[in-house]
Amino acid sequence: MASIFSRIIAGEIPCYKIAEDENYFAFLDINPVQKGHTLVIPKDEKDYIFDYDPEYYAGLWKFAMKIAKAQKKAIPCKKIGVAVIGLEVPHAHIHLVPMNREGDLDFDSAKKLTLPAEEMQQIADKIVKEL
């Protein structure tokens, strides 16, 4: 069965898409830990990020770097934090999170944000504009 991320890639589930190429896809996290929190995923669905061959793995990080640079321009922050956790969804993914302090990369579900659709779209548009 396809993961929720594969269903997003296929267009079966809507998302706030940031970028896409033939191998990778980036979109806003629907329950962000910070405004602008973006997920970068490989289109080839595997549960564990280290199961990809080295070339594909390197391409994923190159794609993530492009997204992070756009985020940094679009979202006021000191840095873009990176996390690879992968426990909630069995599809490898990279979290890119705008940060101003270490605590901004806290994935405690009680601290996640719920933003209105209009604000999510505005954030996505800002990042896309910087690509």
Protein backbone atom coordinates (compact mmCIF):
# COMPACT_ATOMS: atom_id res chain seq x y z
CA MET A 1 0.00 0.00 0.00
CA ALA A 2 1.30 3.45 -0.91
CA SER A 3 2.32 5.74 1.94
CA ILE A 4 0.53 9.03 2.48
CA PHE A 5 3.56 10.73 0.89
CA SER A 6 3.29 8.61 -2.27
CA ARG A 7 -0.39 9.53 -2.41
CA ILE A 8 0.56 13.23 -2.12
CA ILE A 9 3.06 12.85 -4.97
CA ALA A 10 0.37 11.14 -7.08
CA GLY A 11 -2.02 14.06 -6.45
CA GLU A 12 -4.50 11.90 -4.53
CA ILE A 13 -4.06 14.05 -1.41
CA PRO A 14 -3.66 17.85 -1.64
CA CYS A 15 -0.57 19.59 -0.34
CA TYR A 16 1.19 22.94 -0.33
CA LYS A 17 3.79 22.01 -2.93
CA ILE A 18 7.10 23.81 -2.93
CA ALA A 19 9.01 21.99 -5.69
CA GLU A 20 9.25 18.79 -7.65
CA ASP A 21 11.57 17.16 -10.14
CA GLU A 22 11.71 13.67 -11.63
CA ASN A 23 13.04 12.10 -8.40
CA TYR A 24 12.12 14.33 -5.44
CA PHE A 25 9.22 16.34 -4.04
CA ALA A 26 8.96 19.09 -1.39
CA PHE A 27 5.86 20.37 0.38
CA LEU A 28 4.89 22.13 3.61
CA ASP A 29 4.33 19.97 6.66
CA ILE A 30 0.59 20.17 7.45
CA ASN A 31 1.38 20.23 11.21
CA PRO A 32 4.58 22.27 11.30
CA VAL A 33 6.86 22.73 14.27
CA GLN A 34 7.64 26.21 12.87
CA LYS A 35 6.17 28.31 10.07
CA GLY A 36 7.75 27.20 6.80
CA HIS A 37 8.50 23.64 8.00
CA THR A 38 8.98 21.70 4.77
CA LEU A 39 9.24 18.00 4.01
CA VAL A 40 11.58 16.82 1.26
CA ILE A 41 10.85 13.31 0.03
CA PRO A 42 12.16 10.91 -2.58
CA LYS A 43 9.58 9.74 -5.09
CA ASP A 44 10.98 6.22 -4.78
CA GLU A 45 9.20 5.05 -1.63
CA LYS A 46 11.45 3.36 0.92
CA ASP A 47 11.00 3.43 4.66
CA TYR A 48 14.64 3.97 5.64
CA ILE A 49 16.69 6.82 4.17
CA PHE A 50 19.92 4.81 4.23
CA ASP A 51 18.42 2.12 1.96
CA TYR A 52 18.85 4.34 -1.12
CA ASP A 53 21.85 3.92 -3.37
CA PRO A 54 24.52 6.59 -2.82
CA GLU A 55 23.76 8.56 -5.99
CA TYR A 56 20.02 8.82 -5.31
CA TYR A 57 20.70 9.64 -1.64
CA ALA A 58 23.10 12.43 -2.66
CA GLY A 59 20.51 13.78 -5.09
CA LEU A 60 17.95 13.94 -2.30
CA TRP A 61 20.28 16.13 -0.22
CA LYS A 62 21.13 18.31 -3.21
CA PHE A 63 17.40 18.87 -3.77
CA ALA A 64 16.93 19.58 -0.04
CA MET A 65 19.74 22.15 -0.14
CA LYS A 66 17.97 24.03 -2.94
CA ILE A 67 14.75 24.11 -0.88
CA ALA A 68 16.56 25.16 2.32
CA LYS A 69 18.22 28.09 0.55
CA ALA A 70 14.83 29.30 -0.70
CA GLN A 71 13.31 28.87 2.77
CA LYS A 72 16.12 30.93 4.33
CA LYS A 73 15.35 33.79 1.94
CA ALA A 74 11.58 33.54 2.38
CA ILE A 75 11.21 32.95 6.13
CA PRO A 76 12.87 35.21 8.71
CA CYS A 77 15.22 32.88 10.61
CA LYS A 78 18.85 32.38 11.60
CA LYS A 79 19.19 28.93 10.04
CA ILE A 80 17.28 26.07 8.50
CA GLY A 81 17.44 23.06 10.80
CA VAL A 82 17.46 19.53 9.45
CA ALA A 83 16.01 16.35 10.92
CA VAL A 84 15.55 12.85 9.58
CA ILE A 85 13.24 10.97 11.91
CA GLY A 86 10.90 8.83 9.85
CA LEU A 87 8.90 7.12 12.56
CA GLU A 88 5.42 8.43 11.76
CA VAL A 89 5.32 7.80 8.00
CA PRO A 90 7.06 4.76 6.44
CA HIS A 91 8.51 6.83 3.60
CA ALA A 92 11.95 8.41 3.98
CA HIS A 93 11.83 12.17 4.39
CA ILE A 94 13.87 15.17 5.46
CA HIS A 95 12.43 17.88 7.68
CA LEU A 96 13.66 21.40 6.89
CA VAL A 97 12.69 23.76 9.71
CA PRO A 98 13.31 27.52 9.98
CA MET A 99 15.06 28.15 13.32
CA ASN A 100 16.03 31.06 15.52
CA ARG A 101 17.00 28.92 18.53
CA GLU A 102 17.65 25.23 19.22
CA GLY A 103 14.20 24.71 20.73
CA ASP A 104 12.61 25.52 17.38
CA LEU A 105 13.41 21.98 16.23
CA ASP A 106 11.18 20.37 18.86
CA PHE A 107 8.93 17.70 17.36
CA ASP A 108 6.74 17.26 20.46
CA SER A 109 3.27 16.84 18.97
CA ALA A 110 1.74 19.09 21.63
CA LYS A 111 3.81 22.00 20.31
CA LYS A 112 3.01 21.62 16.62
CA LEU A 113 1.24 24.50 14.91
CA THR A 114 -2.12 24.55 13.20
CA LEU A 115 -2.19 27.31 10.61
CA PRO A 116 -5.10 28.47 8.44
CA ALA A 117 -5.03 27.30 4.82
CA GLU A 118 -4.57 30.86 3.59
CA GLU A 119 -1.46 31.34 5.71
CA MET A 120 -0.04 27.97 4.62
CA GLN A 121 -0.51 28.96 0.98
CA GLN A 122 1.13 32.36 1.58
CA ILE A 123 4.15 30.64 3.16
CA ALA A 124 4.40 28.16 0.28
CA ASP A 125 4.16 30.98 -2.24
CA LYS A 126 6.99 32.90 -0.52
CA ILE A 127 9.29 29.89 -0.63
CA VAL A 128 8.41 29.04 -4.24
CA LYS A 129 9.14 32.63 -5.25
CA GLU A 130 12.70 32.24 -3.92
CA LEU A 131 13.47 29.10 -5.93
